[in-house]
PDB file of N, CA and C in Angstrom:
ATOM      1  N   MET A   1      86.419  90.636 120.436  1.00  0.00           N
ATOM      2  CA  MET A   1      87.522  91.503 120.075  1.00  0.00           C
ATOM      3  C   MET A   1      88.539  90.707 119.258  1.00  0.00           C
ATOM      4  N   ALA A   2      89.114  91.326 118.258  1.00  0.00           N
ATOM      5  CA  ALA A   2      90.038  90.639 117.353  1.00  0.00           C
ATOM      6  C   ALA A   2      91.287  90.146 118.061  1.00  0.00           C
ATOM      7  N   THR A   3      91.743  90.858 119.081  1.00  0.00           N
ATOM      8  CA  THR A   3      92.931  90.372 119.797  1.00  0.00           C
ATOM      9  C   THR A   3      92.628  89.060 120.501  1.00  0.00           C
ATOM     10  N   ARG A   4      91.392  88.862 120.936  1.00  0.00           N
ATOM     11  CA  ARG A   4      90.993  87.595 121.556  1.00  0.00           C
ATOM     12  C   ARG A   4      91.056  86.475 120.525  1.00  0.00           C
ATOM     13  N   CYS A   5      90.591  86.752 119.303  1.00  0.00           N
ATOM     14  CA  CYS A   5      90.669  85.753 118.228  1.00  0.00           C
ATOM     15  C   CYS A   5      92.123  85.428 117.917  1.00  0.00           C
ATOM     16  N   LEU A   6      92.963  86.430 117.949  1.00  0.00           N
ATOM     17  CA  LEU A   6      94.379  86.227 117.697  1.00  0.00           C
ATOM     18  C   LEU A   6      94.985  85.333 118.770  1.00  0.00           C
ATOM     19  N   ALA A   7      94.576  85.533 120.004  1.00  0.00           N
ATOM     20  CA  ALA A   7      95.087  84.724 121.104  1.00  0.00           C
ATOM     21  C   ALA A   7      94.645  83.276 120.991  1.00  0.00           C
ATOM     22  N   GLN A   8      93.515  83.046 120.355  1.00  0.00           N
ATOM     23  CA  GLN A   8      92.985  81.693 120.232  1.00  0.00           C
ATOM     24  C   GLN A   8      93.624  80.906 119.100  1.00  0.00           C
ATOM     25  N   GLN A   9      94.376  81.580 118.235  1.00  0.00           N
ATOM     26  CA  GLN A   9      95.080  80.873 117.177  1.00  0.00           C
ATOM     27  C   GLN A   9      96.200  80.066 117.821  1.00  0.00           C
ATOM     28  N   ALA A  10      96.147  78.786 117.708  1.00  0.00           N
ATOM     29  CA  ALA A  10      97.172  77.946 118.325  1.00  0.00           C
ATOM     30  C   ALA A  10      98.398  77.906 117.419  1.00  0.00           C
ATOM     31  N   ASP A  11      98.436  76.952 116.545  1.00  0.00           N
ATOM     32  CA  ASP A  11      99.580  76.801 115.661  1.00  0.00           C
ATOM     33  C   ASP A  11      99.387  77.511 114.332  1.00  0.00           C
ATOM     34  N   ALA A  12      98.152  77.651 113.914  1.00  0.00           N
ATOM     35  CA  ALA A  12      97.863  78.273 112.625  1.00  0.00           C
ATOM     36  C   ALA A  12      97.886  79.790 112.760  1.00  0.00           C
ATOM     37  N   PHE A  13      98.484  80.451 111.788  1.00  0.00           N
ATOM     38  CA  PHE A  13      98.518  81.901 111.761  1.00  0.00           C
ATOM     39  C   PHE A  13      97.641  82.368 110.619  1.00  0.00           C
ATOM     40  N   ASP A  14      96.692  83.245 110.930  1.00  0.00           N
ATOM     41  CA  ASP A  14      95.806  83.799 109.918  1.00  0.00           C
ATOM     42  C   ASP A  14      96.128  85.287 109.779  1.00  0.00           C
ATOM     43  N   PRO A  15      96.721  85.695 108.657  1.00  0.00           N
ATOM     44  CA  PRO A  15      97.102  87.092 108.502  1.00  0.00           C
ATOM     45  C   PRO A  15      95.911  88.048 108.534  1.00  0.00           C
ATOM     46  N   THR A  16      94.752  87.580 108.084  1.00  0.00           N
ATOM     47  CA  THR A  16      93.556  88.429 108.109  1.00  0.00           C
ATOM     48  C   THR A  16      93.142  88.716 109.549  1.00  0.00           C
ATOM     49  N   VAL A  17      93.201  87.707 110.396  1.00  0.00           N
ATOM     50  CA  VAL A  17      92.880  87.906 111.812  1.00  0.00           C
ATOM     51  C   VAL A  17      93.905  88.841 112.443  1.00  0.00           C
ATOM     52  N   TRP A  18      95.173  88.688 112.077  1.00  0.00           N
ATOM     53  CA  TRP A  18      96.211  89.554 112.634  1.00  0.00           C
ATOM     54  C   TRP A  18      95.960  91.011 112.223  1.00  0.00           C
ATOM     55  N   LEU A  19      95.633  91.236 110.957  1.00  0.00           N
ATOM     56  CA  LEU A  19      95.354  92.601 110.504  1.00  0.00           C
ATOM     57  C   LEU A  19      94.137  93.186 111.226  1.00  0.00           C
ATOM     58  N   MET A  20      93.117  92.366 111.440  1.00  0.00           N
ATOM     59  CA  MET A  20      91.937  92.839 112.186  1.00  0.00           C
ATOM     60  C   MET A  20      92.319  93.184 113.625  1.00  0.00           C
ATOM     61  N   ALA A  21      93.191  92.388 114.228  1.00  0.00           N
ATOM     62  CA  ALA A  21      93.630  92.666 115.590  1.00  0.00           C
ATOM     63  C   ALA A  21      94.382  93.991 115.646  1.00  0.00           C
ATOM     64  N   LEU A  22      95.251  94.213 114.675  1.00  0.00           N
ATOM     65  CA  LEU A  22      96.006  95.475 114.636  1.00  0.00           C
ATOM     66  C   LEU A  22      95.065  96.667 114.507  1.00  0.00           C
ATOM     67  N   THR A  23      94.113  96.578 113.590  1.00  0.00           N
ATOM     68  CA  THR A  23      93.206  97.719 113.408  1.00  0.00           C
ATOM     69  C   THR A  23      92.245  97.873 114.581  1.00  0.00           C
ATOM     70  N   SER A  24      91.905  96.774 115.256  1.00  0.00           N
ATOM     71  CA  SER A  24      90.982  96.885 116.391  1.00  0.00           C
ATOM     72  C   SER A  24      91.591  97.626 117.571  1.00  0.00           C
ATOM     73  N   ILE A  25      92.925  97.666 117.646  1.00  0.00           N
ATOM     74  CA  ILE A  25      93.570  98.425 118.731  1.00  0.00           C
ATOM     75  C   ILE A  25      93.965  99.831 118.281  1.00  0.00           C
ATOM     76  N   GLY A  26      93.533 100.200 117.069  1.00  0.00           N
ATOM     77  CA  GLY A  26      93.781 101.549 116.573  1.00  0.00           C
ATOM     78  C   GLY A  26      94.959 101.667 115.630  1.00  0.00           C
ATOM     79  N   GLY A  27      95.548 100.551 115.246  1.00  0.00           N
ATOM     80  CA  GLY A  27      96.685 100.563 114.334  1.00  0.00           C
ATOM     81  C   GLY A  27      96.239 100.564 112.888  1.00  0.00           C
ATOM     82  N   GLY A  28      97.211 100.685 112.027  1.00  0.00           N
ATOM     83  CA  GLY A  28      96.947 100.652 110.598  1.00  0.00           C
ATOM     84  C   GLY A  28      98.136 100.030 109.885  1.00  0.00           C
ATOM     85  N   TYR A  29      98.017  99.883 108.567  1.00  0.00           N
ATOM     86  CA  TYR A  29      99.071  99.226 107.811  1.00  0.00           C
ATOM     87  C   TYR A  29      99.029  99.684 106.362  1.00  0.00           C
ATOM     88  N   ALA A  30     100.159  99.507 105.688  1.00  0.00           N
ATOM     89  CA  ALA A  30     100.245  99.802 104.263  1.00  0.00           C
ATOM     90  C   ALA A  30     101.459  99.078 103.704  1.00  0.00           C
ATOM     91  N   LEU A  31     101.372  98.730 102.444  1.00  0.00           N
ATOM     92  CA  LEU A  31     102.553  98.261 101.728  1.00  0.00           C
ATOM     93  C   LEU A  31     103.108  99.467 100.983  1.00  0.00           C
ATOM     94  N   ILE A  32     104.378  99.716 101.171  1.00  0.00           N
ATOM     95  CA  ILE A  32     105.012 100.852 100.509  1.00  0.00           C
ATOM     96  C   ILE A  32     106.026 100.316  99.506  1.00  0.00           C
ATOM     97  N   ALA A  33     106.852 101.173  98.951  1.00  0.00           N
ATOM     98  CA  ALA A  33     107.804 100.797  97.906  1.00  0.00           C
ATOM     99  C   ALA A  33     108.563  99.525  98.254  1.00  0.00           C
ATOM    100  N   ASP A  34     108.795  98.717  97.240  1.00  0.00           N
ATOM    101  CA  ASP A  34     109.540  97.460  97.379  1.00  0.00           C
ATOM    102  C   ASP A  34     108.876  96.476  98.324  1.00  0.00           C
ATOM    103  N   ARG A  35     107.542  96.536  98.438  1.00  0.00           N
ATOM    104  CA  ARG A  35     106.756  95.619  99.285  1.00  0.00           C
ATOM    105  C   ARG A  35     107.157  95.702 100.752  1.00  0.00           C
ATOM    106  N   ARG A  36     107.622  96.841 101.182  1.00  0.00           N
ATOM    107  CA  ARG A  36     107.918  97.010 102.610  1.00  0.00           C
ATOM    108  C   ARG A  36     106.606  97.228 103.348  1.00  0.00           C
ATOM    109  N   LEU A  37     106.508  96.587 104.497  1.00  0.00           N
ATOM    110  CA  LEU A  37     105.298  96.665 105.311  1.00  0.00           C
ATOM    111  C   LEU A  37     105.436  97.818 106.300  1.00  0.00           C
ATOM    112  N   ALA A  38     104.548  98.789 106.209  1.00  0.00           N
ATOM    113  CA  ALA A  38     104.531  99.919 107.141  1.00  0.00           C
ATOM    114  C   ALA A  38     103.388  99.707 108.129  1.00  0.00           C
ATOM    115  N   LEU A  39     103.721  99.723 109.409  1.00  0.00           N
ATOM    116  CA  LEU A  39     102.713  99.570 110.456  1.00  0.00           C
ATOM    117  C   LEU A  39     102.559 100.895 111.177  1.00  0.00           C
ATOM    118  N   LEU A  40     101.327 101.340 111.294  1.00  0.00           N
ATOM    119  CA  LEU A  40     101.013 102.605 111.943  1.00  0.00           C
ATOM    120  C   LEU A  40     100.466 102.280 113.323  1.00  0.00           C
ATOM    121  N   VAL A  41     101.202 102.681 114.351  1.00  0.00           N
ATOM    122  CA  VAL A  41     100.846 102.244 115.700  1.00  0.00           C
ATOM    123  C   VAL A  41     100.738 103.391 116.705  1.00  0.00           C
ATOM    124  N   ASP A  42     100.831 104.609 116.238  1.00  0.00           N
ATOM    125  CA  ASP A  42     100.737 105.753 117.134  1.00  0.00           C
ATOM    126  C   ASP A  42      99.378 105.762 117.832  1.00  0.00           C
ATOM    127  N   GLY A  43      99.396 105.845 119.134  1.00  0.00           N
ATOM    128  CA  GLY A  43      98.154 105.902 119.897  1.00  0.00           C
ATOM    129  C   GLY A  43      97.623 104.547 120.339  1.00  0.00           C
ATOM    130  N   CYS A  44      98.270 103.460 119.936  1.00  0.00           N
ATOM    131  CA  CYS A  44      97.828 102.129 120.370  1.00  0.00           C
ATOM    132  C   CYS A  44      98.228 101.895 121.821  1.00  0.00           C
ATOM    133  N   ASP A  45      97.404 101.176 122.542  1.00  0.00           N
ATOM    134  CA  ASP A  45      97.730 100.789 123.910  1.00  0.00           C
ATOM    135  C   ASP A  45      98.989  99.927 123.889  1.00  0.00           C
ATOM    136  N   ASP A  46      99.948 100.222 124.767  1.00  0.00           N
ATOM    137  CA  ASP A  46     101.229  99.528 124.766  1.00  0.00           C
ATOM    138  C   ASP A  46     101.097  98.022 124.971  1.00  0.00           C
ATOM    139  N   ASP A  47     100.273  97.601 125.909  1.00  0.00           N
ATOM    140  CA  ASP A  47     100.135  96.170 126.190  1.00  0.00           C
ATOM    141  C   ASP A  47      99.497  95.429 125.016  1.00  0.00           C
ATOM    142  N   GLU A  48      98.450  96.012 124.460  1.00  0.00           N
ATOM    143  CA  GLU A  48      97.793  95.381 123.315  1.00  0.00           C
ATOM    144  C   GLU A  48      98.723  95.334 122.110  1.00  0.00           C
ATOM    145  N   LEU A  49      99.444  96.421 121.891  1.00  0.00           N
ATOM    146  CA  LEU A  49     100.378  96.471 120.772  1.00  0.00           C
ATOM    147  C   LEU A  49     101.489  95.437 120.942  1.00  0.00           C
ATOM    148  N   ALA A  50     102.002  95.302 122.148  1.00  0.00           N
ATOM    149  CA  ALA A  50     103.061  94.313 122.400  1.00  0.00           C
ATOM    150  C   ALA A  50     102.565  92.910 122.083  1.00  0.00           C
ATOM    151  N   PHE A  51     101.337  92.603 122.471  1.00  0.00           N
ATOM    152  CA  PHE A  51     100.786  91.286 122.194  1.00  0.00           C
ATOM    153  C   PHE A  51     100.640  91.053 120.693  1.00  0.00           C
ATOM    154  N   VAL A  52     100.067  92.019 119.992  1.00  0.00           N
ATOM    155  CA  VAL A  52      99.850  91.877 118.552  1.00  0.00           C
ATOM    156  C   VAL A  52     101.191  91.736 117.829  1.00  0.00           C
ATOM    157  N   MET A  53     102.140  92.580 118.158  1.00  0.00           N
ATOM    158  CA  MET A  53     103.433  92.553 117.479  1.00  0.00           C
ATOM    159  C   MET A  53     104.222  91.290 117.806  1.00  0.00           C
ATOM    160  N   SER A  54     104.012  90.727 118.981  1.00  0.00           N
ATOM    161  CA  SER A  54     104.750  89.521 119.356  1.00  0.00           C
ATOM    162  C   SER A  54     104.424  88.350 118.429  1.00  0.00           C
ATOM    163  N   GLN A  55     103.309  88.443 117.727  1.00  0.00           N
ATOM    164  CA  GLN A  55     102.906  87.376 116.812  1.00  0.00           C
ATOM    165  C   GLN A  55     103.702  87.379 115.506  1.00  0.00           C
ATOM    166  N   VAL A  56     104.381  88.500 115.197  1.00  0.00           N
ATOM    167  CA  VAL A  56     105.071  88.599 113.907  1.00  0.00           C
ATOM    168  C   VAL A  56     106.552  88.955 113.997  1.00  0.00           C
ATOM    169  N   ILE A  57     107.002  89.458 115.114  1.00  0.00           N
ATOM    170  CA  ILE A  57     108.416  89.811 115.242  1.00  0.00           C
ATOM    171  C   ILE A  57     109.251  88.536 115.166  1.00  0.00           C
ATOM    172  N   GLY A  58     110.242  88.558 114.292  1.00  0.00           N
ATOM    173  CA  GLY A  58     111.104  87.399 114.114  1.00  0.00           C
ATOM    174  C   GLY A  58     110.447  86.248 113.383  1.00  0.00           C
ATOM    175  N   GLN A  59     109.336  86.518 112.705  1.00  0.00           N
ATOM    176  CA  GLN A  59     108.585  85.496 111.977  1.00  0.00           C
ATOM    177  C   GLN A  59     108.440  85.925 110.508  1.00  0.00           C
ATOM    178  N   PRO A  60     109.491  85.808 109.711  1.00  0.00           N
ATOM    179  CA  PRO A  60     109.419  86.307 108.323  1.00  0.00           C
ATOM    180  C   PRO A  60     108.313  85.651 107.494  1.00  0.00           C
ATOM    181  N   GLU A  61     107.991  84.398 107.765  1.00  0.00           N
ATOM    182  CA  GLU A  61     106.931  83.749 106.993  1.00  0.00           C
ATOM    183  C   GLU A  61     105.575  84.361 107.319  1.00  0.00           C
ATOM    184  N   ARG A  62     105.379  84.775 108.547  1.00  0.00           N
ATOM    185  CA  ARG A  62     104.130  85.454 108.917  1.00  0.00           C
ATOM    186  C   ARG A  62     104.076  86.847 108.318  1.00  0.00           C
ATOM    187  N   GLN A  63     105.200  87.539 108.316  1.00  0.00           N
ATOM    188  CA  GLN A  63     105.254  88.869 107.713  1.00  0.00           C
ATOM    189  C   GLN A  63     104.939  88.790 106.223  1.00  0.00           C
ATOM    190  N   GLU A  64     105.451  87.772 105.563  1.00  0.00           N
ATOM    191  CA  GLU A  64     105.160  87.577 104.139  1.00  0.00           C
ATOM    192  C   GLU A  64     103.681  87.276 103.929  1.00  0.00           C
ATOM    193  N   ALA A  65     103.091  86.485 104.799  1.00  0.00           N
ATOM    194  CA  ALA A  65     101.661  86.172 104.697  1.00  0.00           C
ATOM    195  C   ALA A  65     100.820  87.444 104.852  1.00  0.00           C
ATOM    196  N   ILE A  66     101.243  88.324 105.731  1.00  0.00           N
ATOM    197  CA  ILE A  66     100.532  89.602 105.926  1.00  0.00           C
ATOM    198  C   ILE A  66     100.617  90.445 104.658  1.00  0.00           C
ATOM    199  N   LYS A  67     101.805  90.528 104.075  1.00  0.00           N
ATOM    200  CA  LYS A  67     101.975  91.289 102.834  1.00  0.00           C
ATOM    201  C   LYS A  67     101.070  90.717 101.736  1.00  0.00           C
ATOM    202  N   TRP A  68     101.035  89.395 101.630  1.00  0.00           N
ATOM    203  CA  TRP A  68     100.210  88.746 100.618  1.00  0.00           C
ATOM    204  C   TRP A  68      98.738  89.083 100.834  1.00  0.00           C
ATOM    205  N   ALA A  69      98.292  89.040 102.091  1.00  0.00           N
ATOM    206  CA  ALA A  69      96.889  89.344 102.398  1.00  0.00           C
ATOM    207  C   ALA A  69      96.551  90.789 102.033  1.00  0.00           C
ATOM    208  N   ILE A  70      97.462  91.704 102.302  1.00  0.00           N
ATOM    209  CA  ILE A  70      97.236  93.114 101.948  1.00  0.00           C
ATOM    210  C   ILE A  70      97.162  93.258 100.428  1.00  0.00           C
ATOM    211  N   GLU A  71      98.064  92.602  99.723  1.00  0.00           N
ATOM    212  CA  GLU A  71      98.044  92.676  98.259  1.00  0.00           C
ATOM    213  C   GLU A  71      96.727  92.142  97.707  1.00  0.00           C
ATOM    214  N   GLN A  72      96.240  91.069  98.265  1.00  0.00           N
ATOM    215  CA  GLN A  72      94.976  90.502  97.801  1.00  0.00           C
ATOM    216  C   GLN A  72      93.829  91.494  98.019  1.00  0.00           C
ATOM    217  N   ARG A  73      93.846  92.177  99.155  1.00  0.00           N
ATOM    218  CA  ARG A  73      92.813  93.204  99.396  1.00  0.00           C
ATOM    219  C   ARG A  73      92.924  94.349  98.422  1.00  0.00           C
ATOM    220  N   GLN A  74      94.159  94.757  98.123  1.00  0.00           N
ATOM    221  CA  GLN A  74      94.369  95.866  97.201  1.00  0.00           C
ATOM    222  C   GLN A  74      93.882  95.525  95.803  1.00  0.00           C
ATOM    223  N   PHE A  75      93.996  94.264  95.434  1.00  0.00           N
ATOM    224  CA  PHE A  75      93.542  93.827  94.114  1.00  0.00           C
ATOM    225  C   PHE A  75      92.094  93.394  94.116  1.00  0.00           C
ATOM    226  N   GLY A  76      91.414  93.554  95.260  1.00  0.00           N
ATOM    227  CA  GLY A  76      89.994  93.261  95.336  1.00  0.00           C
ATOM    228  C   GLY A  76      89.655  91.799  95.445  1.00  0.00           C
ATOM    229  N   GLU A  77      90.617  90.991  95.860  1.00  0.00           N
ATOM    230  CA  GLU A  77      90.373  89.566  96.030  1.00  0.00           C
ATOM    231  C   GLU A  77      90.203  89.259  97.512  1.00  0.00           C
ATOM    232  N   ALA A  78      89.516  88.192  97.809  1.00  0.00           N
ATOM    233  CA  ALA A  78      89.373  87.768  99.202  1.00  0.00           C
ATOM    234  C   ALA A  78      90.702  87.219  99.669  1.00  0.00           C
ATOM    235  N   ALA A  79      91.140  87.659 100.855  1.00  0.00           N
ATOM    236  CA  ALA A  79      92.423  87.182 101.383  1.00  0.00           C
ATOM    237  C   ALA A  79      92.279  85.815 101.999  1.00  0.00           C
TER     238      ALA A  79
END
């Protein structure tokens, strides 16, 4: 399960693994106007969602890495 992989990340943060963890619990994501990150979390299990979100709340450098990874996917490049 992707959340298990996320838990195994020690010091290194991999935005691709984080995005997989979010989608594995039923979440989704999009970049909207002005590069704002929209997270779709309706229907996600509360405990799993809390764990996934705890990896990025208050971490602007991780949030930026996630945006970059999404942009790379949108442009068809490997993240």
